[in-house]
Amino acid sequence: MFKLITTVRGGAVNNPAISARYASVDDAKEAAKVLMHEHQRVVRVMIVEEPSRFVEWMDRS
């Protein structure tokens, strides 16, 4: 299972994608892309494999 951890500029973002769990890294990457597109304050998303193994950073470019 994979989850997203966000870095937000100037506040917080309340979105179900942040608390969701994803079965594959590809599903998590797609959710991160959508999240960054919908919320301009999200500047970075870290994808981690539970319990807490780092997988990848996605930055706004």
C-alpha atoms as a PDB file:
ATOM      1  CA  MET A   1       0.000   0.000   0.000  1.00  0.00           C
ATOM      2  CA  PHE A   2       1.171   3.483  -0.860  1.00  0.00           C
ATOM      3  CA  LYS A   3       0.189   6.880   0.524  1.00  0.00           C
ATOM      4  CA  LEU A   4       0.840  10.537  -0.221  1.00  0.00           C
ATOM      5  CA  ILE A   5       2.473  13.098   2.050  1.00  0.00           C
ATOM      6  CA  THR A   6       2.123  16.683   0.863  1.00  0.00           C
ATOM      7  CA  THR A   7       4.125  19.872   1.297  1.00  0.00           C
ATOM      8  CA  VAL A   8       1.773  22.850   1.101  1.00  0.00           C
ATOM      9  CA  ARG A   9       2.596  26.531   0.742  1.00  0.00           C
ATOM     10  CA  GLY A  10       0.595  28.922   2.942  1.00  0.00           C
ATOM     11  CA  GLY A  11      -1.854  26.641   4.723  1.00  0.00           C
ATOM     12  CA  ALA A  12      -3.445  23.245   4.427  1.00  0.00           C
ATOM     13  CA  VAL A  13      -5.302  21.298   1.771  1.00  0.00           C
ATOM     14  CA  ASN A  14      -8.237  19.087   2.649  1.00  0.00           C
ATOM     15  CA  ASN A  15      -8.573  16.413  -0.017  1.00  0.00           C
ATOM     16  CA  PRO A  16      -9.547  12.730   0.245  1.00  0.00           C
ATOM     17  CA  ALA A  17      -6.595  11.786  -2.005  1.00  0.00           C
ATOM     18  CA  ILE A  18      -4.202  12.677   0.809  1.00  0.00           C
ATOM     19  CA  SER A  19      -5.657  10.200   3.295  1.00  0.00           C
ATOM     20  CA  ALA A  20      -6.360   7.456   0.728  1.00  0.00           C
ATOM     21  CA  ARG A  21      -4.241   4.339   0.340  1.00  0.00           C
ATOM     22  CA  TYR A  22      -3.191   3.188  -3.131  1.00  0.00           C
ATOM     23  CA  ALA A  23      -2.580  -0.371  -4.290  1.00  0.00           C
ATOM     24  CA  SER A  24       0.198   0.533  -6.743  1.00  0.00           C
ATOM     25  CA  VAL A  25       2.803   3.238  -7.127  1.00  0.00           C
ATOM     26  CA  ASP A  26       1.268   4.158 -10.493  1.00  0.00           C
ATOM     27  CA  ASP A  27      -2.090   4.842  -8.821  1.00  0.00           C
ATOM     28  CA  ALA A  28      -0.324   7.015  -6.230  1.00  0.00           C
ATOM     29  CA  LYS A  29       1.561   8.931  -8.936  1.00  0.00           C
ATOM     30  CA  GLU A  30      -1.659   9.640 -10.823  1.00  0.00           C
ATOM     31  CA  ALA A  31      -3.376  10.841  -7.637  1.00  0.00           C
ATOM     32  CA  ALA A  32      -0.399  13.100  -6.881  1.00  0.00           C
ATOM     33  CA  LYS A  33      -0.575  14.646 -10.358  1.00  0.00           C
ATOM     34  CA  VAL A  34      -4.292  15.341  -9.980  1.00  0.00           C
ATOM     35  CA  LEU A  35      -3.800  16.742  -6.484  1.00  0.00           C
ATOM     36  CA  MET A  36      -1.089  19.161  -7.628  1.00  0.00           C
ATOM     37  CA  HIS A  37      -3.203  20.220 -10.586  1.00  0.00           C
ATOM     38  CA  GLU A  38      -6.338  20.877  -8.489  1.00  0.00           C
ATOM     39  CA  HIS A  39      -4.590  22.603  -5.567  1.00  0.00           C
ATOM     40  CA  GLN A  40      -2.007  25.214  -6.527  1.00  0.00           C
ATOM     41  CA  ARG A  41      -0.706  25.435  -2.937  1.00  0.00           C
ATOM     42  CA  VAL A  42       0.547  21.835  -3.047  1.00  0.00           C
ATOM     43  CA  VAL A  43       4.181  22.251  -4.077  1.00  0.00           C
ATOM     44  CA  ARG A  44       5.492  18.761  -3.404  1.00  0.00           C
ATOM     45  CA  VAL A  45       4.156  15.269  -2.861  1.00  0.00           C
ATOM     46  CA  MET A  46       6.104  12.401  -1.361  1.00  0.00           C
ATOM     47  CA  ILE A  47       4.978   8.874  -2.163  1.00  0.00           C
ATOM     48  CA  VAL A  48       5.733   6.342   0.563  1.00  0.00           C
ATOM     49  CA  GLU A  49       5.150   2.641   0.825  1.00  0.00           C
ATOM     50  CA  GLU A  50       3.622   1.682   4.138  1.00  0.00           C
ATOM     51  CA  PRO A  51       4.758   1.296   6.849  1.00  0.00           C
ATOM     52  CA  SER A  52       7.244   4.051   5.932  1.00  0.00           C
ATOM     53  CA  ARG A  53       9.572   3.373   3.052  1.00  0.00           C
ATOM     54  CA  PHE A  54      10.297   6.364   0.810  1.00  0.00           C
ATOM     55  CA  VAL A  55       9.493   5.823  -2.861  1.00  0.00           C
ATOM     56  CA  GLU A  56       9.545   9.102  -4.781  1.00  0.00           C
ATOM     57  CA  TRP A  57       9.189  12.902  -4.641  1.00  0.00           C
ATOM     58  CA  MET A  58       6.995  14.686  -7.170  1.00  0.00           C
ATOM     59  CA  ASP A  59       7.640  18.417  -7.521  1.00  0.00           C
ATOM     60  CA  ARG A  60       5.593  21.084  -9.215  1.00  0.00           C
ATOM     61  CA  SER A  61       7.499  22.105 -12.312  1.00  0.00           C
END
